[in-house]
Amino acid sequence: MPLPNPAAEHRIPANAENRYEVRRADLPLSCPMPGMSLWNSHPKVYLPIEAEGHAKCPYCGAEYVLVA
């Protein structure tokens, strides 16, 4: 029986959803976000979300919404 991997439990699937909610603590916002598996993703890009409250990744089309 394999031992549990605490780091794997906190992973966010990269490019698995079309919409992600983020908080100010997540800024500066990048796609993929920290905690996402990078091996199956695209190069990291920073997204300007502060002014509009939403941003869309030019690589994968993921939409990010800034919530309170």
PDB file of N, CA and C in Angstrom:
ATOM      1  N   MET A   1       0.852  -1.181   0.000  1.00  0.00           N
ATOM      2  CA  MET A   1       0.000   0.000   0.000  1.00  0.00           C
ATOM      3  C   MET A   1       0.896   1.242   0.000  1.00  0.00           C
ATOM      4  N   PRO A   2       0.736   2.152  -0.983  1.00  0.00           N
ATOM      5  CA  PRO A   2       1.586   3.340  -1.037  1.00  0.00           C
ATOM      6  C   PRO A   2       1.266   4.307   0.091  1.00  0.00           C
ATOM      7  N   LEU A   3       2.287   5.015   0.527  1.00  0.00           N
ATOM      8  CA  LEU A   3       2.099   6.025   1.568  1.00  0.00           C
ATOM      9  C   LEU A   3       1.411   7.238   0.969  1.00  0.00           C
ATOM     10  N   PRO A   4       0.563   7.934   1.750  1.00  0.00           N
ATOM     11  CA  PRO A   4      -0.098   9.141   1.234  1.00  0.00           C
ATOM     12  C   PRO A   4       0.928  10.225   0.949  1.00  0.00           C
ATOM     13  N   ASN A   5       0.699  10.986  -0.090  1.00  0.00           N
ATOM     14  CA  ASN A   5       1.576  12.083  -0.474  1.00  0.00           C
ATOM     15  C   ASN A   5       0.845  13.389  -0.193  1.00  0.00           C
ATOM     16  N   PRO A   6       1.192  14.098   0.914  1.00  0.00           N
ATOM     17  CA  PRO A   6       0.473  15.335   1.265  1.00  0.00           C
ATOM     18  C   PRO A   6       0.556  16.391   0.174  1.00  0.00           C
ATOM     19  N   ALA A   7       1.672  16.472  -0.537  1.00  0.00           N
ATOM     20  CA  ALA A   7       1.796  17.475  -1.599  1.00  0.00           C
ATOM     21  C   ALA A   7       0.811  17.202  -2.728  1.00  0.00           C
ATOM     22  N   ALA A   8       0.600  15.958  -3.058  1.00  0.00           N
ATOM     23  CA  ALA A   8      -0.326  15.604  -4.137  1.00  0.00           C
ATOM     24  C   ALA A   8      -1.762  15.917  -3.775  1.00  0.00           C
ATOM     25  N   GLU A   9      -2.083  15.873  -2.501  1.00  0.00           N
ATOM     26  CA  GLU A   9      -3.457  16.148  -2.067  1.00  0.00           C
ATOM     27  C   GLU A   9      -3.826  17.604  -2.274  1.00  0.00           C
ATOM     28  N   HIS A  10      -2.834  18.501  -2.345  1.00  0.00           N
ATOM     29  CA  HIS A  10      -3.105  19.927  -2.481  1.00  0.00           C
ATOM     30  C   HIS A  10      -2.895  20.422  -3.903  1.00  0.00           C
ATOM     31  N   ARG A  11      -2.696  19.519  -4.828  1.00  0.00           N
ATOM     32  CA  ARG A  11      -2.520  19.896  -6.225  1.00  0.00           C
ATOM     33  C   ARG A  11      -3.842  20.326  -6.829  1.00  0.00           C
ATOM     34  N   ILE A  12      -3.765  21.307  -7.725  1.00  0.00           N
ATOM     35  CA  ILE A  12      -4.917  21.774  -8.483  1.00  0.00           C
ATOM     36  C   ILE A  12      -4.723  21.246  -9.895  1.00  0.00           C
ATOM     37  N   PRO A  13      -5.686  20.552 -10.474  1.00  0.00           N
ATOM     38  CA  PRO A  13      -5.490  20.060 -11.841  1.00  0.00           C
ATOM     39  C   PRO A  13      -5.353  21.222 -12.823  1.00  0.00           C
ATOM     40  N   ALA A  14      -4.260  21.268 -13.553  1.00  0.00           N
ATOM     41  CA  ALA A  14      -4.039  22.320 -14.549  1.00  0.00           C
ATOM     42  C   ALA A  14      -4.912  22.076 -15.770  1.00  0.00           C
ATOM     43  N   ASN A  15      -5.477  23.122 -16.294  1.00  0.00           N
ATOM     44  CA  ASN A  15      -6.282  23.070 -17.523  1.00  0.00           C
ATOM     45  C   ASN A  15      -7.450  22.095 -17.415  1.00  0.00           C
ATOM     46  N   ALA A  16      -7.915  21.834 -16.204  1.00  0.00           N
ATOM     47  CA  ALA A  16      -9.005  20.882 -16.014  1.00  0.00           C
ATOM     48  C   ALA A  16     -10.359  21.583 -15.939  1.00  0.00           C
ATOM     49  N   GLU A  17     -10.353  22.861 -15.687  1.00  0.00           N
ATOM     50  CA  GLU A  17     -11.598  23.609 -15.576  1.00  0.00           C
ATOM     51  C   GLU A  17     -11.517  24.821 -16.492  1.00  0.00           C
ATOM     52  N   ASN A  18     -12.654  25.391 -16.770  1.00  0.00           N
ATOM     53  CA  ASN A  18     -12.689  26.589 -17.598  1.00  0.00           C
ATOM     54  C   ASN A  18     -12.749  27.857 -16.766  1.00  0.00           C
ATOM     55  N   ARG A  19     -13.142  27.739 -15.486  1.00  0.00           N
ATOM     56  CA  ARG A  19     -13.318  28.916 -14.635  1.00  0.00           C
ATOM     57  C   ARG A  19     -12.755  28.626 -13.258  1.00  0.00           C
ATOM     58  N   TYR A  20     -11.924  29.550 -12.776  1.00  0.00           N
ATOM     59  CA  TYR A  20     -11.337  29.434 -11.448  1.00  0.00           C
ATOM     60  C   TYR A  20     -11.633  30.705 -10.668  1.00  0.00           C
ATOM     61  N   GLU A  21     -12.000  30.569  -9.409  1.00  0.00           N
ATOM     62  CA  GLU A  21     -12.162  31.718  -8.532  1.00  0.00           C
ATOM     63  C   GLU A  21     -10.871  31.900  -7.759  1.00  0.00           C
ATOM     64  N   VAL A  22     -10.375  33.151  -7.739  1.00  0.00           N
ATOM     65  CA  VAL A  22      -9.141  33.460  -7.026  1.00  0.00           C
ATOM     66  C   VAL A  22      -9.402  34.583  -6.031  1.00  0.00           C
ATOM     67  N   ARG A  23      -8.531  34.684  -5.049  1.00  0.00           N
ATOM     68  CA  ARG A  23      -8.637  35.721  -4.009  1.00  0.00           C
ATOM     69  C   ARG A  23      -7.389  36.603  -4.058  1.00  0.00           C
ATOM     70  N   ARG A  24      -7.449  37.714  -3.372  1.00  0.00           N
ATOM     71  CA  ARG A  24      -6.312  38.644  -3.355  1.00  0.00           C
ATOM     72  C   ARG A  24      -5.041  37.952  -2.868  1.00  0.00           C
ATOM     73  N   ALA A  25      -5.175  36.962  -2.001  1.00  0.00           N
ATOM     74  CA  ALA A  25      -4.013  36.223  -1.501  1.00  0.00           C
ATOM     75  C   ALA A  25      -3.330  35.439  -2.625  1.00  0.00           C
ATOM     76  N   ASP A  26      -4.026  35.186  -3.737  1.00  0.00           N
ATOM     77  CA  ASP A  26      -3.470  34.449  -4.871  1.00  0.00           C
ATOM     78  C   ASP A  26      -2.687  35.349  -5.832  1.00  0.00           C
ATOM     79  N   LEU A  27      -2.718  36.661  -5.592  1.00  0.00           N
ATOM     80  CA  LEU A  27      -2.056  37.607  -6.498  1.00  0.00           C
ATOM     81  C   LEU A  27      -0.572  37.694  -6.202  1.00  0.00           C
ATOM     82  N   PRO A  28       0.292  37.936  -7.163  1.00  0.00           N
ATOM     83  CA  PRO A  28      -0.037  38.123  -8.571  1.00  0.00           C
ATOM     84  C   PRO A  28      -0.503  36.810  -9.195  1.00  0.00           C
ATOM     85  N   LEU A  29      -1.466  36.914 -10.070  1.00  0.00           N
ATOM     86  CA  LEU A  29      -2.089  35.743 -10.675  1.00  0.00           C
ATOM     87  C   LEU A  29      -1.278  35.251 -11.861  1.00  0.00           C
ATOM     88  N   SER A  30      -1.018  33.963 -11.869  1.00  0.00           N
ATOM     89  CA  SER A  30      -0.355  33.351 -13.017  1.00  0.00           C
ATOM     90  C   SER A  30      -1.134  32.110 -13.425  1.00  0.00           C
ATOM     91  N   CYS A  31      -1.025  31.789 -14.687  1.00  0.00           N
ATOM     92  CA  CYS A  31      -1.611  30.549 -15.196  1.00  0.00           C
ATOM     93  C   CYS A  31      -0.493  29.784 -15.853  1.00  0.00           C
ATOM     94  N   PRO A  32      -0.224  28.567 -15.443  1.00  0.00           N
ATOM     95  CA  PRO A  32      -0.877  27.840 -14.364  1.00  0.00           C
ATOM     96  C   PRO A  32      -0.527  28.430 -13.006  1.00  0.00           C
ATOM     97  N   MET A  33      -1.451  28.260 -12.064  1.00  0.00           N
ATOM     98  CA  MET A  33      -1.265  28.770 -10.712  1.00  0.00           C
ATOM     99  C   MET A  33      -0.314  27.864  -9.934  1.00  0.00           C
ATOM    100  N   PRO A  34       0.323  28.410  -8.884  1.00  0.00           N
ATOM    101  CA  PRO A  34       1.123  27.547  -8.021  1.00  0.00           C
ATOM    102  C   PRO A  34       0.235  26.424  -7.487  1.00  0.00           C
ATOM    103  N   GLY A  35       0.743  25.250  -7.427  1.00  0.00           N
ATOM    104  CA  GLY A  35      -0.052  24.115  -6.975  1.00  0.00           C
ATOM    105  C   GLY A  35      -0.658  23.317  -8.110  1.00  0.00           C
ATOM    106  N   MET A  36      -0.638  23.870  -9.324  1.00  0.00           N
ATOM    107  CA  MET A  36      -1.129  23.118 -10.480  1.00  0.00           C
ATOM    108  C   MET A  36       0.004  22.246 -11.006  1.00  0.00           C
ATOM    109  N   SER A  37      -0.333  21.097 -11.501  1.00  0.00           N
ATOM    110  CA  SER A  37       0.664  20.228 -12.116  1.00  0.00           C
ATOM    111  C   SER A  37       1.170  20.898 -13.391  1.00  0.00           C
ATOM    112  N   LEU A  38       2.468  21.127 -13.463  1.00  0.00           N
ATOM    113  CA  LEU A  38       3.021  21.849 -14.604  1.00  0.00           C
ATOM    114  C   LEU A  38       3.377  20.945 -15.771  1.00  0.00           C
ATOM    115  N   TRP A  39       3.551  19.676 -15.539  1.00  0.00           N
ATOM    116  CA  TRP A  39       4.013  18.776 -16.597  1.00  0.00           C
ATOM    117  C   TRP A  39       3.039  18.690 -17.766  1.00  0.00           C
ATOM    118  N   ASN A  40       1.748  18.946 -17.530  1.00  0.00           N
ATOM    119  CA  ASN A  40       0.778  18.835 -18.615  1.00  0.00           C
ATOM    120  C   ASN A  40       0.162  20.182 -18.951  1.00  0.00           C
ATOM    121  N   SER A  41       0.903  21.251 -18.709  1.00  0.00           N
ATOM    122  CA  SER A  41       0.353  22.576 -18.903  1.00  0.00           C
ATOM    123  C   SER A  41       1.169  23.354 -19.940  1.00  0.00           C
ATOM    124  N   HIS A  42       1.064  24.662 -19.899  1.00  0.00           N
ATOM    125  CA  HIS A  42       1.746  25.557 -20.825  1.00  0.00           C
ATOM    126  C   HIS A  42       2.719  26.439 -20.049  1.00  0.00           C
ATOM    127  N   PRO A  43       3.518  27.262 -20.732  1.00  0.00           N
ATOM    128  CA  PRO A  43       4.426  28.163 -20.015  1.00  0.00           C
ATOM    129  C   PRO A  43       3.653  29.104 -19.096  1.00  0.00           C
ATOM    130  N   LYS A  44       4.276  29.474 -17.985  1.00  0.00           N
ATOM    131  CA  LYS A  44       3.625  30.369 -17.024  1.00  0.00           C
ATOM    132  C   LYS A  44       3.460  31.757 -17.634  1.00  0.00           C
ATOM    133  N   VAL A  45       2.274  32.308 -17.471  1.00  0.00           N
ATOM    134  CA  VAL A  45       1.965  33.661 -17.926  1.00  0.00           C
ATOM    135  C   VAL A  45       1.259  34.380 -16.781  1.00  0.00           C
ATOM    136  N   TYR A  46       1.631  35.632 -16.543  1.00  0.00           N
ATOM    137  CA  TYR A  46       0.975  36.423 -15.500  1.00  0.00           C
ATOM    138  C   TYR A  46      -0.208  37.161 -16.107  1.00  0.00           C
ATOM    139  N   LEU A  47      -1.323  37.153 -15.363  1.00  0.00           N
ATOM    140  CA  LEU A  47      -2.573  37.731 -15.871  1.00  0.00           C
ATOM    141  C   LEU A  47      -2.972  38.944 -15.036  1.00  0.00           C
ATOM    142  N   PRO A  48      -3.256  40.082 -15.673  1.00  0.00           N
ATOM    143  CA  PRO A  48      -3.697  41.280 -14.951  1.00  0.00           C
ATOM    144  C   PRO A  48      -5.184  41.165 -14.606  1.00  0.00           C
ATOM    145  N   ILE A  49      -5.482  40.890 -13.360  1.00  0.00           N
ATOM    146  CA  ILE A  49      -6.873  40.670 -12.953  1.00  0.00           C
ATOM    147  C   ILE A  49      -7.392  41.786 -12.049  1.00  0.00           C
ATOM    148  N   GLU A  50      -6.486  42.569 -11.457  1.00  0.00           N
ATOM    149  CA  GLU A  50      -6.891  43.551 -10.454  1.00  0.00           C
ATOM    150  C   GLU A  50      -7.856  44.611 -10.978  1.00  0.00           C
ATOM    151  N   ALA A  51      -7.622  45.151 -12.142  1.00  0.00           N
ATOM    152  CA  ALA A  51      -8.439  46.259 -12.653  1.00  0.00           C
ATOM    153  C   ALA A  51      -9.853  45.842 -13.021  1.00  0.00           C
ATOM    154  N   GLU A  52      -9.997  44.742 -13.734  1.00  0.00           N
ATOM    155  CA  GLU A  52     -11.302  44.318 -14.240  1.00  0.00           C
ATOM    156  C   GLU A  52     -12.016  43.328 -13.324  1.00  0.00           C
ATOM    157  N   GLY A  53     -11.234  42.604 -12.498  1.00  0.00           N
ATOM    158  CA  GLY A  53     -11.848  41.589 -11.642  1.00  0.00           C
ATOM    159  C   GLY A  53     -11.971  40.237 -12.321  1.00  0.00           C
ATOM    160  N   HIS A  54     -11.493  40.154 -13.569  1.00  0.00           N
ATOM    161  CA  HIS A  54     -11.490  38.879 -14.287  1.00  0.00           C
ATOM    162  C   HIS A  54     -10.392  38.916 -15.335  1.00  0.00           C
ATOM    163  N   ALA A  55      -9.925  37.736 -15.723  1.00  0.00           N
ATOM    164  CA  ALA A  55      -8.880  37.625 -16.745  1.00  0.00           C
ATOM    165  C   ALA A  55      -9.009  36.272 -17.423  1.00  0.00           C
ATOM    166  N   LYS A  56      -8.503  36.196 -18.650  1.00  0.00           N
ATOM    167  CA  LYS A  56      -8.552  34.954 -19.417  1.00  0.00           C
ATOM    168  C   LYS A  56      -7.148  34.616 -19.893  1.00  0.00           C
ATOM    169  N   CYS A  57      -6.753  33.375 -19.721  1.00  0.00           N
ATOM    170  CA  CYS A  57      -5.434  32.923 -20.133  1.00  0.00           C
ATOM    171  C   CYS A  57      -5.369  32.825 -21.651  1.00  0.00           C
ATOM    172  N   PRO A  58      -4.351  33.451 -22.269  1.00  0.00           N
ATOM    173  CA  PRO A  58      -4.243  33.374 -23.726  1.00  0.00           C
ATOM    174  C   PRO A  58      -3.802  31.992 -24.236  1.00  0.00           C
ATOM    175  N   TYR A  59      -3.246  31.161 -23.369  1.00  0.00           N
ATOM    176  CA  TYR A  59      -2.794  29.835 -23.781  1.00  0.00           C
ATOM    177  C   TYR A  59      -3.927  28.807 -23.746  1.00  0.00           C
ATOM    178  N   CYS A  60      -4.566  28.673 -22.589  1.00  0.00           N
ATOM    179  CA  CYS A  60      -5.532  27.584 -22.424  1.00  0.00           C
ATOM    180  C   CYS A  60      -6.982  28.049 -22.367  1.00  0.00           C
ATOM    181  N   GLY A  61      -7.199  29.378 -22.296  1.00  0.00           N
ATOM    182  CA  GLY A  61      -8.552  29.904 -22.276  1.00  0.00           C
ATOM    183  C   GLY A  61      -9.229  29.846 -20.913  1.00  0.00           C
ATOM    184  N   ALA A  62      -8.498  29.441 -19.879  1.00  0.00           N
ATOM    185  CA  ALA A  62      -9.086  29.402 -18.531  1.00  0.00           C
ATOM    186  C   ALA A  62      -9.476  30.819 -18.114  1.00  0.00           C
ATOM    187  N   GLU A  63     -10.651  30.929 -17.506  1.00  0.00           N
ATOM    188  CA  GLU A  63     -11.122  32.216 -17.021  1.00  0.00           C
ATOM    189  C   GLU A  63     -10.947  32.269 -15.526  1.00  0.00           C
ATOM    190  N   TYR A  64     -10.424  33.395 -15.049  1.00  0.00           N
ATOM    191  CA  TYR A  64     -10.190  33.614 -13.630  1.00  0.00           C
ATOM    192  C   TYR A  64     -11.053  34.783 -13.177  1.00  0.00           C
ATOM    193  N   VAL A  65     -11.708  34.609 -12.018  1.00  0.00           N
ATOM    194  CA  VAL A  65     -12.580  35.627 -11.465  1.00  0.00           C
ATOM    195  C   VAL A  65     -12.083  35.953 -10.060  1.00  0.00           C
ATOM    196  N   LEU A  66     -11.877  37.220  -9.794  1.00  0.00           N
ATOM    197  CA  LEU A  66     -11.428  37.678  -8.479  1.00  0.00           C
ATOM    198  C   LEU A  66     -12.627  37.804  -7.558  1.00  0.00           C
ATOM    199  N   VAL A  67     -12.623  37.061  -6.460  1.00  0.00           N
ATOM    200  CA  VAL A  67     -13.721  37.105  -5.500  1.00  0.00           C
ATOM    201  C   VAL A  67     -13.228  37.728  -4.190  1.00  0.00           C
ATOM    202  N   ALA A  68     -14.172  38.282  -3.439  1.00  0.00           N
ATOM    203  CA  ALA A  68     -13.824  38.943  -2.173  1.00  0.00           C
ATOM    204  C   ALA A  68     -13.394  37.955  -1.124  1.00  0.00           C
TER     205      ALA A  68
END
